[in-house]
């Protein structure tokens, strides 16, 4: 009879997900969990404290980004060097970072980022999915703008070195790739709200294979980064410089691009 009751509890908990989350929130310690719940539920019920380090890191990275972009644009403005498209896309990339900063601190952290999922309320889980959904398209835009800034910088240096057509072709590919993944990120689920409401298994909808999208974006991004690194390196060997100066320039482009 005792085992029958335990089995009934397990099946009921799995079928009614919100009730399981509500029960998990009342657990104050692992000892209480062992006393109140069967083994199968206790095995996945553990608490993880939030990570304030993530919040501090977010502020530090925003501060560094602000300093670097402000220093670059200030120098360009007060020097004889004219502002170019690379400066414009650098600024746009910085502007695109601000929404992700707000989403992280205003949305994801209050929704439970850094906490075990079993300690969250159903509304927090849904809120987390909503804010994470907003973060994905912003990420694709950020990566596209950063690559565009680097490509425009290459154009200022290597346009006369026979790389003009290759650079423009890369710009077109990067723009197309960014728009494509942006649209996929926005319309990956039908209806769109199914992205952050499907967690309980009670809503109706469809989504594309998120893992396939992530892998495709990662592979294309890496290949494009390597191609963008190859373009300037292919011309450095033709420069009339000592070998160690060529090595220094190569390392500079490697660090800057990667």
C-alpha atoms as a PDB file:
ATOM      1  CA  UNK A   1       0.000   0.000   0.000  1.00  0.00           C
ATOM      2  CA  UNK A   2       2.821   2.374   0.891  1.00  0.00           C
ATOM      3  CA  UNK A   3       4.561   1.793  -2.454  1.00  0.00           C
ATOM      4  CA  UNK A   4       1.265   2.243  -4.263  1.00  0.00           C
ATOM      5  CA  UNK A   5       0.759   5.624  -2.621  1.00  0.00           C
ATOM      6  CA  UNK A   6       4.323   6.668  -3.518  1.00  0.00           C
ATOM      7  CA  UNK A   7       3.843   5.646  -7.139  1.00  0.00           C
ATOM      8  CA  UNK A   8       0.562   7.551  -7.299  1.00  0.00           C
ATOM      9  CA  UNK A   9       2.272  10.673  -5.934  1.00  0.00           C
ATOM     10  CA  UNK A  10       5.080  10.471  -8.481  1.00  0.00           C
ATOM     11  CA  UNK A  11       2.747  10.107 -11.452  1.00  0.00           C
ATOM     12  CA  UNK A  12       0.496  12.904 -10.218  1.00  0.00           C
ATOM     13  CA  UNK A  13       3.458  15.222  -9.731  1.00  0.00           C
ATOM     14  CA  UNK A  14       4.708  14.585 -13.242  1.00  0.00           C
ATOM     15  CA  UNK A  15       1.294  15.178 -14.765  1.00  0.00           C
ATOM     16  CA  UNK A  16       0.604  18.399 -12.870  1.00  0.00           C
ATOM     17  CA  UNK A  17       3.807  20.386 -13.286  1.00  0.00           C
ATOM     18  CA  UNK A  18       2.700  23.640 -11.574  1.00  0.00           C
ATOM     19  CA  UNK A  19       1.722  21.698  -8.441  1.00  0.00           C
ATOM     20  CA  UNK A  20       5.187  20.153  -8.306  1.00  0.00           C
ATOM     21  CA  UNK A  21       6.833  23.583  -8.464  1.00  0.00           C
ATOM     22  CA  UNK A  22       4.590  24.874  -5.714  1.00  0.00           C
ATOM     23  CA  UNK A  23       5.492  21.919  -3.502  1.00  0.00           C
ATOM     24  CA  UNK A  24       9.197  22.373  -4.188  1.00  0.00           C
ATOM     25  CA  UNK A  25       9.110  25.978  -2.998  1.00  0.00           C
ATOM     26  CA  UNK A  26       7.954  24.880   0.456  1.00  0.00           C
ATOM     27  CA  UNK A  27      11.048  22.748   0.987  1.00  0.00           C
ATOM     28  CA  UNK A  28      13.511  24.510   3.269  1.00  0.00           C
ATOM     29  CA  UNK A  29      16.282  21.940   3.226  1.00  0.00           C
ATOM     30  CA  UNK A  30      17.343  18.655   1.702  1.00  0.00           C
ATOM     31  CA  UNK A  31      16.455  16.944   4.986  1.00  0.00           C
ATOM     32  CA  UNK A  32      12.874  18.226   4.741  1.00  0.00           C
ATOM     33  CA  UNK A  33      12.753  17.049   1.152  1.00  0.00           C
ATOM     34  CA  UNK A  34      13.748  13.517   2.143  1.00  0.00           C
ATOM     35  CA  UNK A  35      11.134  13.479   4.876  1.00  0.00           C
ATOM     36  CA  UNK A  36       8.304  14.799   2.702  1.00  0.00           C
ATOM     37  CA  UNK A  37       8.886  13.477  -0.806  1.00  0.00           C
ATOM     38  CA  UNK A  38       9.618  10.071  -2.369  1.00  0.00           C
ATOM     39  CA  UNK A  39      13.094   9.251  -3.663  1.00  0.00           C
ATOM     40  CA  UNK A  40      12.372   9.980  -7.318  1.00  0.00           C
ATOM     41  CA  UNK A  41      11.280  13.558  -6.515  1.00  0.00           C
ATOM     42  CA  UNK A  42      14.098  14.195  -4.032  1.00  0.00           C
ATOM     43  CA  UNK A  43      16.728  13.162  -6.573  1.00  0.00           C
ATOM     44  CA  UNK A  44      15.979  16.228  -8.693  1.00  0.00           C
ATOM     45  CA  UNK A  45      15.038  18.661  -5.929  1.00  0.00           C
ATOM     46  CA  UNK A  46      18.049  20.761  -4.915  1.00  0.00           C
ATOM     47  CA  UNK A  47      18.434  24.474  -4.353  1.00  0.00           C
ATOM     48  CA  UNK A  48      20.971  26.721  -6.027  1.00  0.00           C
ATOM     49  CA  UNK A  49      21.542  30.239  -4.808  1.00  0.00           C
ATOM     50  CA  UNK A  50      21.438  33.078  -7.273  1.00  0.00           C
ATOM     51  CA  UNK A  51      24.751  34.323  -8.591  1.00  0.00           C
ATOM     52  CA  UNK A  52      25.352  38.026  -7.898  1.00  0.00           C
ATOM     53  CA  UNK A  53      28.674  37.557  -9.693  1.00  0.00           C
ATOM     54  CA  UNK A  54      26.733  37.489 -12.950  1.00  0.00           C
ATOM     55  CA  UNK A  55      25.206  40.888 -12.202  1.00  0.00           C
ATOM     56  CA  UNK A  56      28.592  42.373 -11.321  1.00  0.00           C
ATOM     57  CA  UNK A  57      30.148  40.881 -14.456  1.00  0.00           C
ATOM     58  CA  UNK A  58      27.364  42.392 -16.573  1.00  0.00           C
ATOM     59  CA  UNK A  59      28.059  45.846 -15.134  1.00  0.00           C
ATOM     60  CA  UNK A  60      31.823  45.442 -15.642  1.00  0.00           C
ATOM     61  CA  UNK A  61      31.448  44.396 -19.274  1.00  0.00           C
ATOM     62  CA  UNK A  62      29.067  47.275 -19.970  1.00  0.00           C
ATOM     63  CA  UNK A  63      31.543  49.690 -18.379  1.00  0.00           C
ATOM     64  CA  UNK A  64      34.431  48.348 -20.450  1.00  0.00           C
ATOM     65  CA  UNK A  65      32.381  48.517 -23.647  1.00  0.00           C
ATOM     66  CA  UNK A  66      31.329  52.073 -22.905  1.00  0.00           C
ATOM     67  CA  UNK A  67      34.908  53.149 -22.172  1.00  0.00           C
ATOM     68  CA  UNK A  68      36.388  51.542 -25.295  1.00  0.00           C
ATOM     69  CA  UNK A  69      33.726  52.870 -27.683  1.00  0.00           C
ATOM     70  CA  UNK A  70      33.796  56.351 -26.114  1.00  0.00           C
ATOM     71  CA  UNK A  71      37.604  56.459 -26.286  1.00  0.00           C
ATOM     72  CA  UNK A  72      37.614  55.422 -29.951  1.00  0.00           C
ATOM     73  CA  UNK A  73      34.962  57.916 -31.045  1.00  0.00           C
ATOM     74  CA  UNK A  74      36.445  60.746 -28.953  1.00  0.00           C
ATOM     75  CA  UNK A  75      39.874  60.218 -30.480  1.00  0.00           C
ATOM     76  CA  UNK A  76      38.443  60.119 -33.982  1.00  0.00           C
ATOM     77  CA  UNK A  77      36.385  63.260 -33.363  1.00  0.00           C
ATOM     78  CA  UNK A  78      39.257  65.383 -32.061  1.00  0.00           C
ATOM     79  CA  UNK A  79      41.979  64.032 -34.367  1.00  0.00           C
ATOM     80  CA  UNK A  80      42.533  64.619 -38.058  1.00  0.00           C
ATOM     81  CA  UNK A  81      41.197  61.123 -38.827  1.00  0.00           C
ATOM     82  CA  UNK A  82      37.736  61.178 -40.350  1.00  0.00           C
ATOM     83  CA  UNK A  83      34.906  59.116 -38.972  1.00  0.00           C
ATOM     84  CA  UNK A  84      34.024  56.198 -41.244  1.00  0.00           C
ATOM     85  CA  UNK A  85      31.501  53.419 -41.631  1.00  0.00           C
ATOM     86  CA  UNK A  86      33.505  51.271 -39.233  1.00  0.00           C
ATOM     87  CA  UNK A  87      32.950  53.898 -36.522  1.00  0.00           C
ATOM     88  CA  UNK A  88      29.250  54.021 -37.331  1.00  0.00           C
ATOM     89  CA  UNK A  89      28.824  50.263 -37.046  1.00  0.00           C
ATOM     90  CA  UNK A  90      30.937  50.223 -33.869  1.00  0.00           C
ATOM     91  CA  UNK A  91      28.533  52.721 -32.319  1.00  0.00           C
ATOM     92  CA  UNK A  92      25.495  50.790 -33.583  1.00  0.00           C
ATOM     93  CA  UNK A  93      26.918  47.583 -32.112  1.00  0.00           C
ATOM     94  CA  UNK A  94      27.298  49.355 -28.771  1.00  0.00           C
ATOM     95  CA  UNK A  95      23.708  50.609 -28.959  1.00  0.00           C
ATOM     96  CA  UNK A  96      22.585  47.042 -29.681  1.00  0.00           C
ATOM     97  CA  UNK A  97      24.326  45.899 -26.481  1.00  0.00           C
ATOM     98  CA  UNK A  98      22.158  48.139 -24.286  1.00  0.00           C
ATOM     99  CA  UNK A  99      18.909  46.147 -24.765  1.00  0.00           C
ATOM    100  CA  UNK A 100      20.649  42.896 -23.792  1.00  0.00           C
ATOM    101  CA  UNK A 101      22.038  44.642 -20.692  1.00  0.00           C
ATOM    102  CA  UNK A 102      18.522  45.736 -19.705  1.00  0.00           C
ATOM    103  CA  UNK A 103      17.045  42.323 -20.512  1.00  0.00           C
ATOM    104  CA  UNK A 104      19.620  40.602 -18.309  1.00  0.00           C
ATOM    105  CA  UNK A 105      19.222  42.816 -15.248  1.00  0.00           C
ATOM    106  CA  UNK A 106      15.564  43.830 -15.495  1.00  0.00           C
ATOM    107  CA  UNK A 107      14.170  40.632 -16.967  1.00  0.00           C
ATOM    108  CA  UNK A 108      16.270  37.475 -16.594  1.00  0.00           C
ATOM    109  CA  UNK A 109      17.736  38.019 -13.127  1.00  0.00           C
ATOM    110  CA  UNK A 110      14.375  38.757 -11.420  1.00  0.00           C
ATOM    111  CA  UNK A 111      12.861  35.831 -13.365  1.00  0.00           C
ATOM    112  CA  UNK A 112      15.263  33.433 -11.684  1.00  0.00           C
ATOM    113  CA  UNK A 113      18.559  33.455 -13.579  1.00  0.00           C
ATOM    114  CA  UNK A 114      21.069  31.588 -11.420  1.00  0.00           C
ATOM    115  CA  UNK A 115      18.428  29.730  -9.406  1.00  0.00           C
ATOM    116  CA  UNK A 116      17.371  26.108  -9.651  1.00  0.00           C
ATOM    117  CA  UNK A 117      14.240  25.751 -11.748  1.00  0.00           C
ATOM    118  CA  UNK A 118      12.451  23.807  -8.986  1.00  0.00           C
ATOM    119  CA  UNK A 119      12.539  26.880  -6.737  1.00  0.00           C
ATOM    120  CA  UNK A 120      10.766  29.126  -9.274  1.00  0.00           C
ATOM    121  CA  UNK A 121       7.073  29.858  -9.629  1.00  0.00           C
ATOM    122  CA  UNK A 122       5.302  29.030 -12.908  1.00  0.00           C
ATOM    123  CA  UNK A 123       5.017  32.757 -13.631  1.00  0.00           C
ATOM    124  CA  UNK A 124       8.788  33.167 -13.162  1.00  0.00           C
ATOM    125  CA  UNK A 125       9.511  30.331 -15.589  1.00  0.00           C
ATOM    126  CA  UNK A 126       7.214  31.855 -18.174  1.00  0.00           C
ATOM    127  CA  UNK A 127       8.776  35.286 -17.614  1.00  0.00           C
ATOM    128  CA  UNK A 128      12.264  33.836 -18.010  1.00  0.00           C
ATOM    129  CA  UNK A 129      11.294  32.288 -21.336  1.00  0.00           C
ATOM    130  CA  UNK A 130       9.801  35.574 -22.498  1.00  0.00           C
ATOM    131  CA  UNK A 131      12.914  37.625 -21.699  1.00  0.00           C
ATOM    132  CA  UNK A 132      15.217  34.969 -23.133  1.00  0.00           C
ATOM    133  CA  UNK A 133      13.172  35.030 -26.324  1.00  0.00           C
ATOM    134  CA  UNK A 134      13.764  38.796 -26.586  1.00  0.00           C
ATOM    135  CA  UNK A 135      17.483  38.270 -26.055  1.00  0.00           C
ATOM    136  CA  UNK A 136      17.983  35.934 -29.026  1.00  0.00           C
ATOM    137  CA  UNK A 137      17.206  38.385 -31.881  1.00  0.00           C
ATOM    138  CA  UNK A 138      19.249  41.068 -30.107  1.00  0.00           C
ATOM    139  CA  UNK A 139      22.221  38.694 -30.024  1.00  0.00           C
ATOM    140  CA  UNK A 140      22.019  38.016 -33.768  1.00  0.00           C
ATOM    141  CA  UNK A 141      21.935  41.762 -34.481  1.00  0.00           C
ATOM    142  CA  UNK A 142      24.911  42.389 -32.193  1.00  0.00           C
ATOM    143  CA  UNK A 143      27.072  39.769 -33.886  1.00  0.00           C
ATOM    144  CA  UNK A 144      26.161  41.046 -37.339  1.00  0.00           C
ATOM    145  CA  UNK A 145      27.005  44.668 -36.460  1.00  0.00           C
ATOM    146  CA  UNK A 146      30.344  43.736 -34.895  1.00  0.00           C
ATOM    147  CA  UNK A 147      31.362  41.817 -38.016  1.00  0.00           C
ATOM    148  CA  UNK A 148      30.173  44.710 -40.179  1.00  0.00           C
ATOM    149  CA  UNK A 149      32.377  47.137 -38.223  1.00  0.00           C
ATOM    150  CA  UNK A 150      35.429  44.916 -38.753  1.00  0.00           C
ATOM    151  CA  UNK A 151      34.715  44.517 -42.463  1.00  0.00           C
ATOM    152  CA  UNK A 152      34.324  48.282 -42.933  1.00  0.00           C
ATOM    153  CA  UNK A 153      37.629  48.757 -41.127  1.00  0.00           C
ATOM    154  CA  UNK A 154      39.251  46.319 -43.567  1.00  0.00           C
ATOM    155  CA  UNK A 155      37.844  48.318 -46.471  1.00  0.00           C
ATOM    156  CA  UNK A 156      39.655  51.438 -45.317  1.00  0.00           C
ATOM    157  CA  UNK A 157      42.968  49.555 -45.249  1.00  0.00           C
ATOM    158  CA  UNK A 158      42.829  46.912 -47.961  1.00  0.00           C
ATOM    159  CA  UNK A 159      40.501  48.384 -50.579  1.00  0.00           C
ATOM    160  CA  UNK A 160      43.463  49.161 -52.828  1.00  0.00           C
ATOM    161  CA  UNK A 161      45.099  45.791 -52.173  1.00  0.00           C
ATOM    162  CA  UNK A 162      42.702  43.857 -54.396  1.00  0.00           C
ATOM    163  CA  UNK A 163      40.294  42.875 -51.631  1.00  0.00           C
ATOM    164  CA  UNK A 164      37.491  45.268 -52.528  1.00  0.00           C
ATOM    165  CA  UNK A 165      35.208  42.744 -54.244  1.00  0.00           C
ATOM    166  CA  UNK A 166      35.858  40.037 -51.666  1.00  0.00           C
ATOM    167  CA  UNK A 167      35.122  42.449 -48.830  1.00  0.00           C
ATOM    168  CA  UNK A 168      31.888  43.668 -50.418  1.00  0.00           C
ATOM    169  CA  UNK A 169      30.843  40.072 -51.018  1.00  0.00           C
ATOM    170  CA  UNK A 170      31.541  39.271 -47.369  1.00  0.00           C
ATOM    171  CA  UNK A 171      29.546  42.323 -46.291  1.00  0.00           C
ATOM    172  CA  UNK A 172      26.578  41.150 -48.377  1.00  0.00           C
ATOM    173  CA  UNK A 173      26.815  37.620 -46.958  1.00  0.00           C
ATOM    174  CA  UNK A 174      27.056  38.907 -43.386  1.00  0.00           C
ATOM    175  CA  UNK A 175      24.033  41.189 -43.867  1.00  0.00           C
ATOM    176  CA  UNK A 176      21.975  38.372 -45.409  1.00  0.00           C
ATOM    177  CA  UNK A 177      23.022  35.932 -42.691  1.00  0.00           C
ATOM    178  CA  UNK A 178      22.134  38.412 -39.941  1.00  0.00           C
ATOM    179  CA  UNK A 179      18.685  39.153 -41.377  1.00  0.00           C
ATOM    180  CA  UNK A 180      17.996  35.435 -41.907  1.00  0.00           C
ATOM    181  CA  UNK A 181      18.812  34.455 -38.329  1.00  0.00           C
ATOM    182  CA  UNK A 182      16.996  37.527 -37.024  1.00  0.00           C
ATOM    183  CA  UNK A 183      13.796  36.384 -38.752  1.00  0.00           C
ATOM    184  CA  UNK A 184      14.297  32.810 -37.556  1.00  0.00           C
ATOM    185  CA  UNK A 185      14.811  34.074 -34.011  1.00  0.00           C
ATOM    186  CA  UNK A 186      11.620  36.132 -34.097  1.00  0.00           C
ATOM    187  CA  UNK A 187       9.358  33.585 -35.821  1.00  0.00           C
ATOM    188  CA  UNK A 188      10.844  30.344 -34.514  1.00  0.00           C
ATOM    189  CA  UNK A 189       7.553  29.373 -32.851  1.00  0.00           C
ATOM    190  CA  UNK A 190       3.917  29.470 -34.015  1.00  0.00           C
ATOM    191  CA  UNK A 191       2.334  31.237 -32.271  1.00  0.00           C
ATOM    192  CA  UNK A 192       5.292  33.317 -31.116  1.00  0.00           C
ATOM    193  CA  UNK A 193       4.125  33.171 -27.488  1.00  0.00           C
ATOM    194  CA  UNK A 194       4.473  29.373 -27.580  1.00  0.00           C
ATOM    195  CA  UNK A 195       8.221  29.905 -27.055  1.00  0.00           C
ATOM    196  CA  UNK A 196       7.713  30.948 -23.410  1.00  0.00           C
ATOM    197  CA  UNK A 197       4.423  29.167 -22.650  1.00  0.00           C
ATOM    198  CA  UNK A 198       5.215  25.624 -23.834  1.00  0.00           C
ATOM    199  CA  UNK A 199       7.190  24.624 -20.716  1.00  0.00           C
ATOM    200  CA  UNK A 200       4.181  23.057 -18.930  1.00  0.00           C
ATOM    201  CA  UNK A 201       3.120  20.963 -21.926  1.00  0.00           C
ATOM    202  CA  UNK A 202      -0.433  22.326 -21.785  1.00  0.00           C
ATOM    203  CA  UNK A 203      -0.247  24.848 -24.674  1.00  0.00           C
ATOM    204  CA  UNK A 204      -0.629  24.114 -28.367  1.00  0.00           C
ATOM    205  CA  UNK A 205       1.953  25.238 -30.933  1.00  0.00           C
ATOM    206  CA  UNK A 206       5.024  24.334 -32.950  1.00  0.00           C
ATOM    207  CA  UNK A 207       8.650  25.446 -32.968  1.00  0.00           C
ATOM    208  CA  UNK A 208      11.602  24.894 -35.252  1.00  0.00           C
ATOM    209  CA  UNK A 209      14.493  22.780 -34.023  1.00  0.00           C
ATOM    210  CA  UNK A 210      16.187  25.265 -31.680  1.00  0.00           C
ATOM    211  CA  UNK A 211      19.330  23.144 -31.355  1.00  0.00           C
ATOM    212  CA  UNK A 212      19.710  23.000 -35.141  1.00  0.00           C
ATOM    213  CA  UNK A 213      19.376  26.796 -35.353  1.00  0.00           C
ATOM    214  CA  UNK A 214      21.981  27.280 -32.622  1.00  0.00           C
ATOM    215  CA  UNK A 215      24.442  24.890 -34.274  1.00  0.00           C
ATOM    216  CA  UNK A 216      23.913  26.450 -37.698  1.00  0.00           C
ATOM    217  CA  UNK A 217      24.505  29.936 -36.329  1.00  0.00           C
ATOM    218  CA  UNK A 218      27.627  28.846 -34.453  1.00  0.00           C
ATOM    219  CA  UNK A 219      29.160  27.043 -37.440  1.00  0.00           C
ATOM    220  CA  UNK A 220      28.436  29.862 -39.896  1.00  0.00           C
ATOM    221  CA  UNK A 221      29.743  32.448 -37.432  1.00  0.00           C
ATOM    222  CA  UNK A 222      32.998  30.542 -36.852  1.00  0.00           C
ATOM    223  CA  UNK A 223      33.587  29.973 -40.577  1.00  0.00           C
ATOM    224  CA  UNK A 224      32.871  33.640 -41.281  1.00  0.00           C
ATOM    225  CA  UNK A 225      35.279  34.706 -38.529  1.00  0.00           C
ATOM    226  CA  UNK A 226      38.025  32.524 -39.995  1.00  0.00           C
ATOM    227  CA  UNK A 227      37.335  33.906 -43.479  1.00  0.00           C
ATOM    228  CA  UNK A 228      37.491  37.472 -42.158  1.00  0.00           C
ATOM    229  CA  UNK A 229      40.812  36.618 -40.517  1.00  0.00           C
ATOM    230  CA  UNK A 230      42.176  35.110 -43.717  1.00  0.00           C
ATOM    231  CA  UNK A 231      41.403  38.187 -45.832  1.00  0.00           C
ATOM    232  CA  UNK A 232      43.925  40.583 -44.211  1.00  0.00           C
ATOM    233  CA  UNK A 233      46.475  37.847 -43.520  1.00  0.00           C
ATOM    234  CA  UNK A 234      46.556  36.957 -47.218  1.00  0.00           C
ATOM    235  CA  UNK A 235      47.923  40.437 -47.967  1.00  0.00           C
ATOM    236  CA  UNK A 236      50.375  40.819 -45.099  1.00  0.00           C
ATOM    237  CA  UNK A 237      52.913  38.495 -46.706  1.00  0.00           C
ATOM    238  CA  UNK A 238      53.187  40.897 -49.647  1.00  0.00           C
ATOM    239  CA  UNK A 239      54.137  43.862 -47.444  1.00  0.00           C
ATOM    240  CA  UNK A 240      57.706  45.159 -47.538  1.00  0.00           C
ATOM    241  CA  UNK A 241      58.293  44.577 -43.833  1.00  0.00           C
ATOM    242  CA  UNK A 242      60.688  42.593 -41.674  1.00  0.00           C
ATOM    243  CA  UNK A 243      59.351  39.164 -40.739  1.00  0.00           C
ATOM    244  CA  UNK A 244      58.904  40.054 -37.072  1.00  0.00           C
ATOM    245  CA  UNK A 245      56.864  43.127 -37.998  1.00  0.00           C
ATOM    246  CA  UNK A 246      54.678  40.935 -40.203  1.00  0.00           C
ATOM    247  CA  UNK A 247      54.267  38.600 -37.232  1.00  0.00           C
ATOM    248  CA  UNK A 248      53.256  41.507 -35.003  1.00  0.00           C
ATOM    249  CA  UNK A 249      50.668  42.702 -37.538  1.00  0.00           C
ATOM    250  CA  UNK A 250      49.368  39.134 -37.908  1.00  0.00           C
ATOM    251  CA  UNK A 251      48.931  38.777 -34.149  1.00  0.00           C
ATOM    252  CA  UNK A 252      47.174  42.145 -34.032  1.00  0.00           C
ATOM    253  CA  UNK A 253      44.607  41.067 -36.613  1.00  0.00           C
ATOM    254  CA  UNK A 254      44.160  37.680 -34.930  1.00  0.00           C
ATOM    255  CA  UNK A 255      43.408  39.256 -31.559  1.00  0.00           C
ATOM    256  CA  UNK A 256      41.196  41.967 -33.053  1.00  0.00           C
ATOM    257  CA  UNK A 257      39.134  39.615 -35.201  1.00  0.00           C
ATOM    258  CA  UNK A 258      38.765  36.661 -32.850  1.00  0.00           C
END
